[in-house]
Amino acid sequence: MPTPRPLHRLPRLALGATLTAWLLALAACGSSPPFQLYRLPSAPPGAAAAPAPAPAATDAVWLVSSVRLPDYLDRDALLWPSGATGLRALPGQRWAEPLRDAVPRVLRADLARLRGTDKVWAAPLPAGLRAQRVLRVEVQTLEVSADVRQFDLVARWWLADPDGRTPALVRQFEHHLPLKDAEVDTLVAAHRQALWALAQEIVRTADQP
């Protein structure tokens, strides 16, 4: 087999063609298909038309210490059912912010809207402020049902006295929202509506006299 000639010994035309092919290959390797990015809106659904929430029944300061999501949601892709138990990533569709960050942020903001911005905090607390209750949330399901008819949220939450003087309040919450179509915007809106429903349920249950 003949030994390849070094680039500096190739004829000028051949050298130009070689460099062009090399640059095109680099461009192809560095390029990626375009993605449409989606975010969870900060405002709750229908907030502009909804009346202001009633003030909380207690003045206890809450510390939202953790909001856990299942590992399968720790990805940038939007997911859609595939068969009875499968999930597939929607091609070309991505979350602009990972759900592991977006869900806690949105849920804390919703709780603050419902209880008052000075009553719900994340760590670290401001100097001189002490939490009377610590809230933990574990999201177990956040997805479209296998029959593609509804969006399901299942979550477990508990509100505890940090000093352990009173028993923790522990609840399981399920929310099932019918889907009007299979559009991506509908899927994103369903995520947001489900989280708003969870915040409302937590406040309604925990702050009742």
Protein backbone atom coordinates (compact mmCIF):
# COMPACT_ATOMS: atom_id res chain seq x y z
CA MET A 1 0.00 0.00 0.00
CA PRO A 2 1.51 3.39 -0.96
CA THR A 3 2.42 5.70 1.91
CA PRO A 4 0.09 8.78 2.12
CA ARG A 5 1.87 11.96 1.21
CA PRO A 6 2.08 14.72 3.84
CA LEU A 7 -0.34 17.60 3.37
CA HIS A 8 2.42 20.04 2.41
CA ARG A 9 3.37 17.81 -0.55
CA LEU A 10 -0.15 17.49 -1.97
CA PRO A 11 -1.01 19.49 -5.10
CA ARG A 12 -2.69 22.82 -4.34
CA LEU A 13 -6.15 21.72 -5.59
CA ALA A 14 -5.99 18.47 -3.66
CA LEU A 15 -4.90 20.33 -0.53
CA GLY A 16 -7.80 22.75 -0.86
CA ALA A 17 -10.30 19.93 -1.28
CA THR A 18 -8.84 18.09 1.72
CA LEU A 19 -9.07 21.16 3.97
CA THR A 20 -12.63 21.88 2.83
CA ALA A 21 -13.72 18.33 3.61
CA TRP A 22 -12.02 18.51 7.01
CA LEU A 23 -13.74 21.80 7.90
CA LEU A 24 -17.13 20.45 6.83
CA ALA A 25 -16.60 17.37 8.98
CA LEU A 26 -15.76 19.56 11.99
CA ALA A 27 -18.86 21.67 11.42
CA ALA A 28 -21.04 18.57 11.22
CA CYS A 29 -19.58 17.20 14.44
CA GLY A 30 -20.06 20.48 16.28
CA SER A 31 -23.59 21.13 15.10
CA SER A 32 -26.77 19.84 16.72
CA PRO A 33 -30.42 19.84 15.71
CA PRO A 34 -32.41 22.87 16.88
CA PHE A 35 -34.54 22.49 20.00
CA GLN A 36 -37.72 24.22 21.08
CA LEU A 37 -37.37 25.21 24.75
CA TYR A 38 -40.27 25.28 27.19
CA ARG A 39 -40.51 26.65 30.72
CA LEU A 40 -42.95 26.38 33.59
CA PRO A 41 -44.64 29.81 33.85
CA SER A 42 -44.06 31.60 37.14
CA ALA A 43 -47.67 32.81 37.37
CA PRO A 44 -50.27 30.21 38.37
CA PRO A 45 -52.91 29.28 35.78
CA GLY A 46 -55.66 31.84 35.48
CA ALA A 47 -53.95 34.11 37.99
CA ALA A 48 -55.00 37.30 36.22
CA ALA A 49 -58.69 36.42 36.47
CA ALA A 50 -58.58 34.66 39.84
CA PRO A 51 -59.45 36.55 43.04
CA ALA A 52 -56.73 37.17 45.60
CA PRO A 53 -56.28 34.15 47.90
CA ALA A 54 -57.64 34.32 51.41
CA PRO A 55 -55.04 34.98 54.12
CA ALA A 56 -53.64 31.95 55.90
CA ALA A 57 -55.39 30.84 59.07
CA THR A 58 -52.07 30.75 60.95
CA ASP A 59 -49.01 32.97 60.93
CA ALA A 60 -46.51 30.12 61.20
CA VAL A 61 -43.38 30.58 59.10
CA TRP A 62 -42.74 27.63 56.79
CA LEU A 63 -39.36 26.40 55.64
CA VAL A 64 -39.66 24.38 52.41
CA SER A 65 -36.67 22.15 53.01
CA SER A 66 -36.92 19.70 50.09
CA VAL A 67 -38.96 18.87 47.01
CA ARG A 68 -37.92 15.52 45.59
CA LEU A 69 -38.69 14.21 42.11
CA PRO A 70 -38.29 10.66 40.76
CA ASP A 71 -35.04 10.05 38.90
CA TYR A 72 -36.76 9.54 35.55
CA LEU A 73 -37.71 13.24 35.55
CA ASP A 74 -34.09 14.31 36.02
CA ARG A 75 -33.57 15.09 32.33
CA ASP A 76 -34.10 17.95 29.92
CA ALA A 77 -36.46 16.13 27.54
CA LEU A 78 -40.24 16.36 27.69
CA LEU A 79 -41.68 12.89 28.12
CA TRP A 80 -44.68 11.20 26.52
CA PRO A 81 -46.19 7.73 27.17
CA SER A 82 -45.11 4.83 25.01
CA GLY A 83 -47.19 1.72 25.58
CA ALA A 84 -48.39 0.60 28.98
CA THR A 85 -45.20 1.35 30.94
CA GLY A 86 -42.82 3.13 28.58
CA LEU A 87 -41.86 6.76 28.17
CA ARG A 88 -40.27 8.43 25.17
CA ALA A 89 -38.56 11.77 24.81
CA LEU A 90 -40.34 14.15 22.46
CA PRO A 91 -37.88 14.89 19.64
CA GLY A 92 -36.70 18.48 19.44
CA GLN A 93 -38.51 19.51 22.67
CA ARG A 94 -36.58 20.42 25.82
CA TRP A 95 -37.18 22.03 29.18
CA ALA A 96 -35.40 25.38 29.41
CA GLU A 97 -34.87 24.69 33.13
CA PRO A 98 -34.51 21.18 34.59
CA LEU A 99 -37.61 20.06 36.47
CA ARG A 100 -35.50 19.34 39.55
CA ASP A 101 -34.97 23.11 39.77
CA ALA A 102 -38.21 24.40 38.24
CA VAL A 103 -40.65 22.36 40.36
CA PRO A 104 -39.29 23.45 43.78
CA ARG A 105 -39.04 27.07 42.62
CA VAL A 106 -42.60 27.18 41.28
CA LEU A 107 -44.08 25.33 44.26
CA ARG A 108 -42.40 27.66 46.77
CA ALA A 109 -43.68 30.68 44.85
CA ASP A 110 -47.22 29.28 44.80
CA LEU A 111 -47.16 28.58 48.54
CA ALA A 112 -45.93 32.12 49.16
CA ARG A 113 -48.77 33.52 47.04
CA LEU A 114 -51.30 31.59 49.08
CA ARG A 115 -49.83 32.20 52.55
CA GLY A 116 -47.96 35.47 52.14
CA THR A 117 -44.44 36.11 50.90
CA ASP A 118 -43.11 36.50 54.46
CA LYS A 119 -44.52 33.11 55.55
CA VAL A 120 -42.73 30.74 53.13
CA TRP A 121 -38.96 30.48 52.79
CA ALA A 122 -36.18 28.28 51.49
CA ALA A 123 -32.90 27.80 53.33
CA PRO A 124 -30.97 29.72 54.41
CA LEU A 125 -33.45 31.74 56.42
CA PRO A 126 -32.79 35.45 56.90
CA ALA A 127 -30.99 36.38 60.11
CA GLY A 128 -33.33 36.49 63.08
CA LEU A 129 -36.09 34.47 61.41
CA ARG A 130 -37.10 31.06 62.71
CA ALA A 131 -39.35 28.51 61.02
CA GLN A 132 -42.23 27.05 63.04
CA ARG A 133 -42.91 24.36 60.43
CA VAL A 134 -40.72 22.45 57.98
CA LEU A 135 -42.33 21.23 54.75
CA ARG A 136 -41.05 18.34 52.68
CA VAL A 137 -42.60 17.21 49.41
CA GLU A 138 -41.98 14.01 47.48
CA VAL A 139 -43.38 13.96 43.95
CA GLN A 140 -44.02 10.35 42.98
CA THR A 141 -45.74 10.77 39.60
CA LEU A 142 -45.72 13.74 37.23
CA GLU A 143 -46.64 12.53 33.76
CA VAL A 144 -49.30 11.82 31.16
CA SER A 145 -51.26 8.64 31.83
CA ALA A 146 -50.60 5.59 29.67
CA ASP A 147 -53.94 6.02 27.88
CA VAL A 148 -52.98 9.65 27.06
CA ARG A 149 -56.28 10.92 28.44
CA GLN A 150 -55.07 12.80 31.50
CA PHE A 151 -52.09 14.25 33.30
CA ASP A 152 -51.33 12.69 36.68
CA LEU A 153 -49.65 14.14 39.75
CA VAL A 154 -49.14 12.00 42.82
CA ALA A 155 -47.24 13.51 45.73
CA ARG A 156 -46.63 12.84 49.41
CA TRP A 157 -45.98 15.76 51.71
CA TRP A 158 -45.40 16.26 55.38
CA LEU A 159 -45.28 19.34 57.57
CA ALA A 160 -43.31 18.93 60.77
CA ASP A 161 -42.50 20.84 63.92
CA PRO A 162 -38.70 21.30 63.79
CA ASP A 163 -38.56 20.81 67.57
CA GLY A 164 -40.61 17.61 67.44
CA ARG A 165 -43.12 18.79 70.04
CA THR A 166 -46.14 18.01 67.88
CA PRO A 167 -46.76 15.14 65.45
CA ALA A 168 -46.00 15.78 61.78
CA LEU A 169 -48.91 16.28 59.40
CA VAL A 170 -48.54 13.73 56.59
CA ARG A 171 -50.75 13.60 53.51
CA GLN A 172 -50.94 11.92 50.10
CA PHE A 173 -52.26 14.00 47.20
CA GLU A 174 -53.46 12.91 43.76
CA HIS A 175 -54.50 15.20 40.94
CA HIS A 176 -55.79 14.02 37.56
CA LEU A 177 -56.25 16.63 34.84
CA PRO A 178 -58.00 15.70 31.57
CA LEU A 179 -55.96 16.52 28.48
CA LYS A 180 -57.77 18.27 25.64
CA ASP A 181 -55.12 17.40 23.04
CA ALA A 182 -51.56 16.11 22.58
CA GLU A 183 -49.90 19.49 21.97
CA VAL A 184 -46.65 20.26 23.80
CA ASP A 185 -48.09 23.53 25.13
CA THR A 186 -50.93 21.53 26.67
CA LEU A 187 -48.40 19.20 28.30
CA VAL A 188 -46.45 22.11 29.80
CA ALA A 189 -49.65 23.77 31.01
CA ALA A 190 -50.70 20.52 32.67
CA HIS A 191 -47.44 20.44 34.67
CA ARG A 192 -48.14 23.97 35.86
CA GLN A 193 -51.77 23.36 36.74
CA ALA A 194 -50.88 20.25 38.71
CA LEU A 195 -48.31 22.09 40.82
CA TRP A 196 -50.77 24.90 41.51
CA ALA A 197 -53.34 22.34 42.65
CA LEU A 198 -50.75 20.76 44.96
CA ALA A 199 -49.89 24.12 46.55
CA GLN A 200 -53.56 24.89 47.10
CA GLU A 201 -54.15 21.51 48.73
CA ILE A 202 -51.15 21.84 51.05
CA VAL A 203 -52.24 25.28 52.25
CA ARG A 204 -55.91 24.33 52.57
CA THR A 205 -55.09 21.24 54.63
CA ALA A 206 -52.26 22.59 56.76
CA ASP A 207 -53.64 26.02 57.55
CA GLN A 208 -57.20 25.04 58.41
CA PRO A 209 -58.14 25.95 62.02
